[in-house]
Amino acid sequence: MQTLYWFTRDLRLHDNAALLAASKSDMLLCVYVVNPRWFAPGPFQCRTLGDHRWRFLWQSLMALERNLRSLGQRLHIAFGDPQVVIPELVHNHQIGRVIRSRQPGTRESSEWEAVKDKLPGTVFQQFETLGLFTEGSLPVELDNLPDTFSQFRKLVEQNGEDNFGRLRIRTLTALPPAPGYPEDNRGECPAIPEPLHPVRFTGGESAGLEHLHDYLFVNHLIDHYKETRNALDDPDASSRLSPWLANGSLSAREVADTITDYENRHVKNESTYWLWFELLWREYFYWYALKHGSDLFRRDGVQQKKRSASFYPHRFKAWCAGSTEYPLVNAAMNQLRETGYISNRSRQIVASCLVNELELDWRYGAAWFEEQLVDYDVASNYGNWQYQAGVGADPKGPRHFNLEKQERQFDPDGEFIRRWRGNADQPVGLHLVDAADWPV
C-alpha cells in the first residue's frame, strides 16, 4: 500500500507511533502543509502564526527534511489549504492510506474530517503521539476526565506515574521510498523576518534533544527547578523545553523518561518531581481539550460561567503594545512581542491584568498569545486562559494577581522593568471616551 504521512505537531523520528505505522508501507509520501490562513488576522484581530513561531517552525521543518533525506526520503512542503492539497496528492500518487497524529483543537479536527469526506475510498488513521498516554492507557475514561488537574494527578500517581514508559517508540532508522519526488511550492511561503534579539531557540529534533540533555545531564539545572522556575528573565531558571514539545520536535515521553533516567543516575528530589508535575499539567490540558472540544474556545468556558464580553480597543492595544499603566505588565508584553517568549510567571501576570484590571474578554488575550508565543500549544494555551479567567479547570474562580505585590516579589530592583522598558512614556489609561462620551 502507498501511504501519505501528514506531519503536523510531530516533527521528529524518535518516539513517533504514527510515523512507525506509516513506515509499514510499500511507498511513503511525507507531507507538511503550511496553511495561508495562518498568516491572516482572525476573529480576535490576531494571526494564527506570528513571526517568532513561524521562524521556529521553518527551522524545525528544515531539520526534519535533513533527517528524512538521511533515510532516503524527503519532505513535501505545500503552501495551501489542506482540504485541497491532501486530496490532490492522494489522487496524483495513487495513495491508499493517510496517517497523521491525533490533534486537539476544533480547527484541526474539522480539517481532518473535511479531507476524509473528500476521499471516501481512502483509509484514514490517527495515532496519539503528542502526550504521555494514549487514550487507552489513561487511568480513566476520557468522558470521565476529572474537572480539575489535582484529581487527574492523583489518578495518574495512584496508577503508577511511569506506566507510559512502555509506549515509547524507538527512533526510526529506515523508511520506504517515496512514490517519486513531486515539486512542491514551498517558495510561496511567507518570508521570515530577522529577529530583533538573539534567538534563544533553534527549531528541530536534534536541537530539542540536545537542549534536554544539556539541561539535565550537563548543567544539572533540574536540581533546583522548583526554586528557580518563577524567575522572570533567567534562561536557566526553567527547562524551556516547551517550544520543541509544542511542535513535536521533542516527545513528551522522551522528556519524562529522561527525567526518570536522571533521577536514577543522579538525584531525585522535589525539583525533579516538579518538572514531571509540569509535564503532567500539559498532559491534562491535552485530554481536557479533546474532551471539551469547542467549549475550550467559548467565552463562558467549559463551566458555562458568564464572563464579560466587553471589548475596549484602546485597552487591548495598550496591553499588546506594552503601554498600560502597569510597568511589570508592559515589560513582559514588550519581551513577548520582541522575542516570542515570556516566563510562566509573566504569562500569569499579564493574563490576570487583561481579565481583571482591563476587564477584557479573555479570548483576545489567548489569541494574542497564539500569534506571539514560540511555544504556543492550543490545549495548554486555551486551557490556561480559561483557568485564569475562572471558566475552566479551576474551581476557585478567576485568578486575580496583585500587580504591585508581584513586582515587589519578582522584580524588587526593577531590573526586568528597565531591561524591557516597562515604564511607558505615555501610558494609556483605562477610561477613554470620544466626543459624545461613549467608550471607544
Protein backbone atom coordinates (compact mmCIF):
# COMPACT_ATOMS: atom_id res chain seq x y z
CA MET A 1 0.00 0.00 0.00
CA GLN A 2 1.11 3.57 -0.71
CA THR A 3 0.78 5.89 2.27
CA LEU A 4 0.72 9.65 2.75
CA TYR A 5 2.07 10.75 6.12
CA TRP A 6 0.70 14.15 7.11
CA PHE A 7 3.17 15.76 9.51
CA THR A 8 1.58 18.21 11.94
CA ARG A 9 2.85 18.54 15.52
CA ASP A 10 5.12 15.50 15.36
CA LEU A 11 8.23 16.79 13.57
CA ARG A 12 10.57 14.01 14.67
CA LEU A 13 11.80 10.48 14.05
CA HIS A 14 12.03 9.43 17.72
CA ASP A 15 9.03 8.12 19.66
CA ASN A 16 6.60 8.60 16.79
CA ALA A 17 3.99 5.84 16.68
CA ALA A 18 2.20 7.41 13.72
CA LEU A 19 5.33 7.52 11.56
CA LEU A 20 6.17 3.96 12.61
CA ALA A 21 2.76 2.82 11.35
CA ALA A 22 3.29 4.76 8.11
CA SER A 23 6.68 3.11 7.63
CA LYS A 24 4.93 -0.24 7.16
CA SER A 25 4.07 0.66 3.57
CA ASP A 26 5.38 -0.10 0.11
CA MET A 27 5.85 3.61 -0.59
CA LEU A 28 5.56 6.68 1.60
CA LEU A 29 4.92 10.34 0.78
CA CYS A 30 5.83 12.67 3.68
CA VAL A 31 3.88 15.95 3.63
CA TYR A 32 3.65 19.13 5.68
CA VAL A 33 1.00 21.71 4.75
CA VAL A 34 1.54 25.40 5.52
CA ASN A 35 -1.91 26.98 5.52
CA PRO A 36 -2.13 30.58 4.17
CA ARG A 37 -4.90 31.28 6.70
CA TRP A 38 -2.32 31.04 9.49
CA PHE A 39 -0.88 34.39 8.39
CA ALA A 40 -4.15 36.35 8.13
CA PRO A 41 -5.94 38.11 11.01
CA GLY A 42 -8.64 36.05 12.69
CA PRO A 43 -11.83 36.97 14.55
CA PHE A 44 -9.87 38.37 17.52
CA GLN A 45 -7.65 40.65 15.41
CA CYS A 46 -4.63 38.32 15.67
CA ARG A 47 -2.87 35.99 13.29
CA THR A 48 -2.71 32.27 13.98
CA LEU A 49 1.03 32.21 13.35
CA GLY A 50 3.32 35.13 14.17
CA ASP A 51 6.92 35.73 13.12
CA HIS A 52 8.58 34.01 16.07
CA ARG A 53 6.71 30.72 15.82
CA TRP A 54 6.93 30.76 12.04
CA ARG A 55 10.72 31.11 12.24
CA PHE A 56 10.96 28.26 14.73
CA LEU A 57 8.59 26.09 12.68
CA TRP A 58 10.56 26.62 9.48
CA GLN A 59 13.80 25.70 11.22
CA SER A 60 12.08 22.57 12.52
CA LEU A 61 10.85 21.64 9.04
CA MET A 62 14.31 22.07 7.55
CA ALA A 63 15.78 19.88 10.30
CA LEU A 64 13.10 17.25 9.69
CA GLU A 65 13.83 17.27 5.98
CA ARG A 66 17.54 16.69 6.63
CA ASN A 67 16.69 13.73 8.85
CA LEU A 68 14.31 12.30 6.27
CA ARG A 69 16.87 12.66 3.49
CA SER A 70 19.33 10.60 5.55
CA LEU A 71 16.77 7.77 5.27
CA GLY A 72 16.26 8.21 1.54
CA GLN A 73 13.09 10.26 1.98
CA ARG A 74 12.20 13.93 1.59
CA LEU A 75 9.61 16.32 2.96
CA HIS A 76 6.98 17.69 0.58
CA ILE A 77 6.14 21.19 1.92
CA ALA A 78 2.93 22.53 0.38
CA PHE A 79 1.63 26.08 0.83
CA GLY A 80 -2.15 25.86 0.57
CA ASP A 81 -5.40 24.66 2.07
CA PRO A 82 -5.05 21.06 3.39
CA GLN A 83 -8.55 20.32 2.12
CA VAL A 84 -7.20 20.93 -1.39
CA VAL A 85 -3.56 19.84 -1.05
CA ILE A 86 -4.06 16.41 0.55
CA PRO A 87 -6.77 15.15 -1.86
CA GLU A 88 -4.70 16.30 -4.86
CA LEU A 89 -1.63 14.41 -3.62
CA VAL A 90 -3.73 11.32 -2.88
CA HIS A 91 -5.16 11.31 -6.40
CA ASN A 92 -1.87 12.12 -8.12
CA HIS A 93 0.11 9.37 -6.36
CA GLN A 94 -2.49 6.62 -6.00
CA ILE A 95 -2.37 6.86 -2.21
CA GLY A 96 -4.41 4.26 -0.36
CA ARG A 97 -3.87 5.41 3.21
CA VAL A 98 -3.45 8.75 5.03
CA ILE A 99 -1.91 8.84 8.52
CA ARG A 100 -1.34 11.66 10.99
CA SER A 101 -1.09 12.30 14.73
CA ARG A 102 -4.30 12.95 16.65
CA GLN A 103 -4.76 16.68 17.29
CA PRO A 104 -6.67 18.62 19.92
CA GLY A 105 -8.47 21.72 18.66
CA THR A 106 -11.65 22.12 16.63
CA ARG A 107 -9.95 23.56 13.52
CA GLU A 108 -7.60 20.61 13.34
CA SER A 109 -10.42 18.12 13.81
CA SER A 110 -12.65 19.74 11.21
CA GLU A 111 -9.81 19.78 8.66
CA TRP A 112 -9.25 16.07 9.16
CA GLU A 113 -12.94 15.28 8.75
CA ALA A 114 -13.24 17.50 5.66
CA VAL A 115 -10.32 15.74 3.96
CA LYS A 116 -11.81 12.35 4.83
CA ASP A 117 -15.13 13.35 3.27
CA LYS A 118 -13.37 14.17 0.01
CA LEU A 119 -11.62 10.79 -0.14
CA PRO A 120 -14.25 8.15 0.68
CA GLY A 121 -12.17 5.28 -0.74
CA THR A 122 -9.05 6.07 1.28
CA VAL A 123 -8.06 4.59 4.64
CA PHE A 124 -7.54 7.26 7.36
CA GLN A 125 -5.71 6.57 10.60
CA GLN A 126 -4.73 8.76 13.56
CA PHE A 127 -2.23 7.87 16.30
CA GLU A 128 -1.58 9.51 19.65
CA THR A 129 1.95 10.93 19.69
CA LEU A 130 1.59 14.31 21.42
CA GLY A 131 1.38 13.25 25.06
CA LEU A 132 2.46 10.75 27.68
CA PHE A 133 -0.53 8.46 27.31
CA THR A 134 -2.76 7.02 24.66
CA GLU A 135 -6.46 7.21 25.32
CA GLY A 136 -6.44 3.50 26.09
CA SER A 137 -3.71 3.86 28.72
CA LEU A 138 -5.34 6.77 30.57
CA PRO A 139 -6.19 5.96 34.19
CA VAL A 140 -9.80 7.00 33.47
CA GLU A 141 -12.20 7.02 30.51
CA LEU A 142 -11.88 10.26 28.52
CA ASP A 143 -15.56 11.12 29.09
CA ASN A 144 -14.88 10.87 32.83
CA LEU A 145 -11.72 13.02 32.81
CA PRO A 146 -11.73 14.91 36.14
CA ASP A 147 -12.76 18.55 36.16
CA THR A 148 -9.57 19.58 37.96
CA PHE A 149 -5.90 18.82 37.47
CA SER A 150 -5.42 17.75 41.09
CA GLN A 151 -7.89 14.91 40.67
CA PHE A 152 -6.21 13.84 37.43
CA ARG A 153 -2.73 13.91 39.01
CA LYS A 154 -3.89 11.73 41.90
CA LEU A 155 -5.33 9.16 39.49
CA VAL A 156 -2.10 9.05 37.50
CA GLU A 157 0.11 8.71 40.54
CA GLN A 158 -2.12 6.08 42.13
CA ASN A 159 -1.93 4.14 38.87
CA GLY A 160 1.87 4.44 38.69
CA GLU A 161 3.31 7.54 37.04
CA ASP A 162 5.73 5.56 34.88
CA ASN A 163 3.18 3.28 33.23
CA PHE A 164 3.54 5.24 29.97
CA GLY A 165 7.20 4.23 29.58
CA ARG A 166 6.44 1.02 27.71
CA LEU A 167 4.71 3.06 24.99
CA ARG A 168 7.84 4.90 23.88
CA ILE A 169 8.75 4.11 20.27
CA ARG A 170 12.29 3.59 19.02
CA THR A 171 13.88 6.12 16.69
CA LEU A 172 13.19 5.17 13.10
CA THR A 173 16.26 4.21 11.09
CA ALA A 174 14.56 3.17 7.83
CA LEU A 175 11.61 4.34 5.76
CA PRO A 176 10.12 3.08 2.50
CA PRO A 177 10.84 5.06 -0.68
CA ALA A 178 8.66 7.91 -1.88
CA PRO A 179 6.38 7.46 -4.92
CA GLY A 180 8.51 9.95 -6.85
CA TYR A 181 9.54 13.40 -5.66
CA PRO A 182 6.86 15.87 -6.76
CA GLU A 183 7.81 19.51 -6.88
CA ASP A 184 6.30 21.50 -4.06
CA ASN A 185 5.53 25.19 -3.77
CA ARG A 186 7.40 25.96 -0.54
CA GLY A 187 8.81 29.06 -2.22
CA GLU A 188 5.38 30.69 -1.91
CA CYS A 189 5.53 30.58 1.90
CA PRO A 190 5.89 33.97 3.63
CA ALA A 191 9.39 35.28 4.22
CA ILE A 192 10.84 35.01 7.68
CA PRO A 193 11.87 38.42 9.09
CA GLU A 194 15.10 38.83 11.01
CA PRO A 195 14.65 38.77 14.81
CA LEU A 196 15.21 41.90 16.89
CA HIS A 197 17.12 39.99 19.56
CA PRO A 198 19.39 36.92 19.54
CA VAL A 199 17.19 33.86 19.18
CA ARG A 200 17.25 31.58 22.21
CA PHE A 201 15.51 28.68 20.49
CA THR A 202 16.58 26.83 17.36
CA GLY A 203 13.97 24.57 15.85
CA GLY A 204 14.41 20.91 15.10
CA GLU A 205 14.59 17.46 16.66
CA SER A 206 18.35 17.43 17.23
CA ALA A 207 18.27 20.87 18.89
CA GLY A 208 15.45 19.78 21.20
CA LEU A 209 17.18 16.56 22.24
CA GLU A 210 20.44 18.42 22.81
CA HIS A 211 18.71 21.05 24.96
CA LEU A 212 17.04 18.31 27.03
CA HIS A 213 20.36 16.54 27.58
CA ASP A 214 22.24 19.71 28.47
CA TYR A 215 19.56 20.98 30.85
CA LEU A 216 19.65 17.74 32.84
CA PHE A 217 22.97 15.97 32.41
CA VAL A 218 25.43 18.73 31.54
CA ASN A 219 24.23 21.68 33.64
CA HIS A 220 22.12 19.79 36.23
CA LEU A 221 19.69 22.70 36.26
CA ILE A 222 16.79 20.42 37.07
CA ASP A 223 18.20 20.01 40.60
CA HIS A 224 16.86 23.47 41.55
CA TYR A 225 13.94 23.79 39.11
CA LYS A 226 11.23 24.26 41.74
CA GLU A 227 13.14 27.11 43.42
CA THR A 228 14.01 28.99 40.21
CA ARG A 229 11.05 28.39 37.87
CA ASN A 230 9.25 31.64 38.72
CA ALA A 231 12.12 33.93 37.68
CA LEU A 232 11.00 36.45 35.06
CA ASP A 233 14.00 36.55 32.74
CA ASP A 234 16.65 33.96 33.59
CA PRO A 235 17.19 31.48 30.73
CA ASP A 236 18.44 28.87 33.21
CA ALA A 237 15.54 29.23 35.65
CA SER A 238 13.17 26.87 33.85
CA SER A 239 13.58 24.00 31.42
CA ARG A 240 12.41 25.96 28.33
CA LEU A 241 11.60 22.67 26.61
CA SER A 242 8.14 23.92 25.62
CA PRO A 243 8.91 25.16 22.06
CA TRP A 244 10.14 21.72 20.96
CA LEU A 245 7.31 19.97 22.77
CA ALA A 246 4.78 22.31 21.17
CA ASN A 247 5.55 21.40 17.55
CA GLY A 248 6.53 17.83 18.32
CA SER A 249 10.24 18.09 17.64
CA LEU A 250 10.58 16.59 21.11
CA SER A 251 8.43 13.82 22.54
CA ALA A 252 6.79 14.27 25.96
CA ARG A 253 7.58 10.63 26.75
CA GLU A 254 11.23 11.23 25.85
CA VAL A 255 11.32 14.07 28.37
CA ALA A 256 9.60 12.01 31.08
CA ASP A 257 11.89 9.02 30.56
CA THR A 258 14.94 11.29 30.60
CA ILE A 259 13.81 12.74 33.94
CA THR A 260 13.48 9.21 35.33
CA ASP A 261 16.92 8.32 33.97
CA TYR A 262 18.39 11.40 35.63
CA GLU A 263 16.74 10.54 38.94
CA ASN A 264 18.16 7.02 38.78
CA ARG A 265 21.68 8.20 37.94
CA HIS A 266 21.99 11.46 39.90
CA VAL A 267 19.36 12.79 42.28
CA LYS A 268 15.63 12.52 42.87
CA ASN A 269 14.19 15.47 44.75
CA GLU A 270 11.27 17.89 44.84
CA SER A 271 12.59 19.76 41.80
CA THR A 272 12.91 16.69 39.58
CA TYR A 273 9.38 15.76 40.59
CA TRP A 274 8.17 19.29 39.80
CA LEU A 275 9.33 19.12 36.19
CA TRP A 276 7.36 15.89 35.85
CA PHE A 277 4.45 17.71 37.55
CA GLU A 278 4.54 20.45 34.89
CA LEU A 279 4.67 17.82 32.15
CA LEU A 280 1.55 16.27 33.66
CA TRP A 281 -0.23 19.67 33.55
CA ARG A 282 0.48 19.73 29.82
CA GLU A 283 -0.92 16.20 29.54
CA TYR A 284 -4.06 17.11 31.42
CA PHE A 285 -4.82 20.02 29.11
CA TYR A 286 -4.28 17.81 26.03
CA TRP A 287 -7.03 15.42 27.13
CA TYR A 288 -9.09 18.30 28.51
CA ALA A 289 -9.15 19.82 25.00
CA LEU A 290 -10.13 16.53 23.39
CA LYS A 291 -12.92 16.01 25.91
CA HIS A 292 -14.43 19.51 25.75
CA GLY A 293 -13.98 20.31 22.05
CA SER A 294 -15.46 23.65 21.05
CA ASP A 295 -16.18 24.62 24.67
CA LEU A 296 -12.44 25.25 25.02
CA PHE A 297 -12.89 28.36 22.88
CA ARG A 298 -16.17 29.72 24.24
CA ARG A 299 -16.24 32.91 26.30
CA ASP A 300 -18.04 31.24 29.21
CA GLY A 301 -15.72 28.22 29.06
CA VAL A 302 -16.39 24.63 29.97
CA GLN A 303 -18.04 25.75 33.22
CA GLN A 304 -20.53 27.96 31.35
CA LYS A 305 -19.84 30.82 33.77
CA LYS A 306 -20.87 34.19 32.46
CA ARG A 307 -17.86 36.40 31.73
CA SER A 308 -17.57 39.88 30.29
CA ALA A 309 -17.73 40.07 26.52
CA SER A 310 -16.64 43.70 26.51
CA PHE A 311 -14.03 44.90 24.07
CA TYR A 312 -12.22 48.19 24.64
CA PRO A 313 -9.92 48.58 21.62
CA HIS A 314 -7.60 51.07 23.32
CA ARG A 315 -7.12 48.78 26.32
CA PHE A 316 -6.32 45.74 24.19
CA LYS A 317 -3.96 47.74 22.00
CA ALA A 318 -2.18 49.13 25.07
CA TRP A 319 -1.85 45.63 26.55
CA CYS A 320 -0.36 44.23 23.32
CA ALA A 321 1.96 47.24 22.87
CA GLY A 322 3.19 47.38 26.46
CA SER A 323 1.76 50.84 27.16
CA THR A 324 -0.63 50.22 30.05
CA GLU A 325 -0.48 51.81 33.49
CA TYR A 326 1.33 48.74 34.85
CA PRO A 327 5.12 48.66 34.33
CA LEU A 328 5.58 44.96 35.09
CA VAL A 329 2.87 44.04 32.59
CA ASN A 330 4.39 46.37 29.98
CA ALA A 331 7.84 44.84 30.39
CA ALA A 332 6.52 41.32 29.95
CA MET A 333 4.44 42.29 26.91
CA ASN A 334 7.42 44.01 25.28
CA GLN A 335 9.51 40.91 25.84
CA LEU A 336 6.79 38.71 24.37
CA ARG A 337 6.31 40.85 21.29
CA GLU A 338 10.05 41.14 20.61
CA THR A 339 11.19 37.60 21.43
CA GLY A 340 8.16 35.30 21.24
CA TYR A 341 8.69 34.06 24.79
CA ILE A 342 7.95 35.04 28.39
CA SER A 343 8.18 33.06 31.61
CA ASN A 344 5.25 31.19 33.08
CA ARG A 345 5.04 33.73 35.90
CA SER A 346 4.89 36.59 33.39
CA ARG A 347 2.10 34.82 31.50
CA GLN A 348 0.01 34.60 34.64
CA ILE A 349 0.64 38.26 35.50
CA VAL A 350 -0.30 39.67 32.08
CA ALA A 351 -3.32 37.36 31.79
CA SER A 352 -4.60 38.48 35.18
CA CYS A 353 -4.19 42.09 34.12
CA LEU A 354 -6.16 41.60 30.91
CA VAL A 355 -9.02 39.76 32.60
CA ASN A 356 -9.25 41.79 35.81
CA GLU A 357 -7.72 45.28 35.52
CA LEU A 358 -8.55 45.78 31.84
CA GLU A 359 -11.83 43.82 32.03
CA LEU A 360 -11.41 42.32 28.56
CA ASP A 361 -12.72 39.12 27.03
CA TRP A 362 -10.03 36.53 27.83
CA ARG A 363 -10.19 35.14 24.28
CA TYR A 364 -8.44 38.25 22.93
CA GLY A 365 -5.50 37.52 25.21
CA ALA A 366 -5.47 33.87 24.19
CA ALA A 367 -5.46 34.88 20.51
CA TRP A 368 -2.53 37.27 21.05
CA PHE A 369 -0.56 34.53 22.80
CA GLU A 370 -1.40 32.20 19.89
CA GLU A 371 0.16 34.67 17.47
CA GLN A 372 3.20 35.58 19.54
CA LEU A 373 4.35 32.58 21.58
CA VAL A 374 7.06 30.42 20.04
CA ASP A 375 5.80 27.56 22.24
CA TYR A 376 2.09 28.01 21.50
CA ASP A 377 0.10 24.84 22.16
CA VAL A 378 -3.64 25.02 21.54
CA ALA A 379 -4.67 22.88 24.53
CA SER A 380 -2.29 24.43 27.06
CA ASN A 381 -2.90 27.98 25.85
CA TYR A 382 -6.68 27.96 25.88
CA GLY A 383 -6.83 25.66 28.91
CA ASN A 384 -4.62 28.03 30.91
CA TRP A 385 -6.52 31.13 29.80
CA GLN A 386 -9.82 29.56 30.85
CA TYR A 387 -8.20 28.63 34.16
CA GLN A 388 -7.05 32.24 34.63
CA ALA A 389 -10.47 33.63 33.70
CA GLY A 390 -12.24 31.30 36.13
CA VAL A 391 -14.30 29.48 33.48
CA GLY A 392 -12.20 26.35 33.08
CA ALA A 393 -10.39 23.76 35.19
CA ASP A 394 -10.07 25.87 38.33
CA PRO A 395 -12.94 25.61 40.83
CA LYS A 396 -11.79 28.73 42.72
CA GLY A 397 -12.89 31.25 40.12
CA PRO A 398 -10.82 33.96 38.37
CA ARG A 399 -7.19 34.32 39.41
CA HIS A 400 -6.57 37.95 40.34
CA PHE A 401 -2.93 38.84 40.93
CA ASN A 402 -1.93 41.87 42.97
CA LEU A 403 0.36 43.51 40.41
CA GLU A 404 2.23 45.65 42.91
CA LYS A 405 2.93 42.61 45.08
CA GLN A 406 4.11 40.63 42.05
CA GLU A 407 6.51 43.44 41.18
CA ARG A 408 7.91 43.58 44.71
CA GLN A 409 8.31 39.82 44.84
CA PHE A 410 9.73 39.04 41.40
CA ASP A 411 11.36 42.31 40.31
CA PRO A 412 12.30 44.08 43.56
CA ASP A 413 15.18 46.03 41.98
CA GLY A 414 13.23 46.93 38.84
CA GLU A 415 15.83 45.27 36.60
CA PHE A 416 13.28 43.40 34.48
CA ILE A 417 11.16 46.52 34.05
CA ARG A 418 14.20 48.57 32.96
CA ARG A 419 15.51 45.92 30.59
CA TRP A 420 12.18 45.61 28.78
CA ARG A 421 11.15 49.29 29.03
CA GLY A 422 8.12 48.77 31.23
CA ASN A 423 7.75 52.44 32.16
CA ALA A 424 5.74 53.59 29.16
CA ASP A 425 6.31 57.20 28.02
CA GLN A 426 2.58 57.79 27.63
CA PRO A 427 0.65 55.03 29.39
CA VAL A 428 -2.90 54.53 28.18
CA GLY A 429 -5.49 54.86 30.96
CA LEU A 430 -8.43 52.53 31.44
CA HIS A 431 -11.04 55.15 30.58
CA LEU A 432 -11.10 56.76 27.17
CA VAL A 433 -14.13 58.36 25.56
CA ASP A 434 -14.93 60.03 22.27
CA ALA A 435 -16.63 63.41 21.78
CA ALA A 436 -20.03 62.01 22.74
CA ASP A 437 -18.66 60.33 25.90
CA TRP A 438 -19.22 56.85 24.51
CA PRO A 439 -16.45 54.33 25.30
CA VAL A 440 -14.19 54.00 22.27
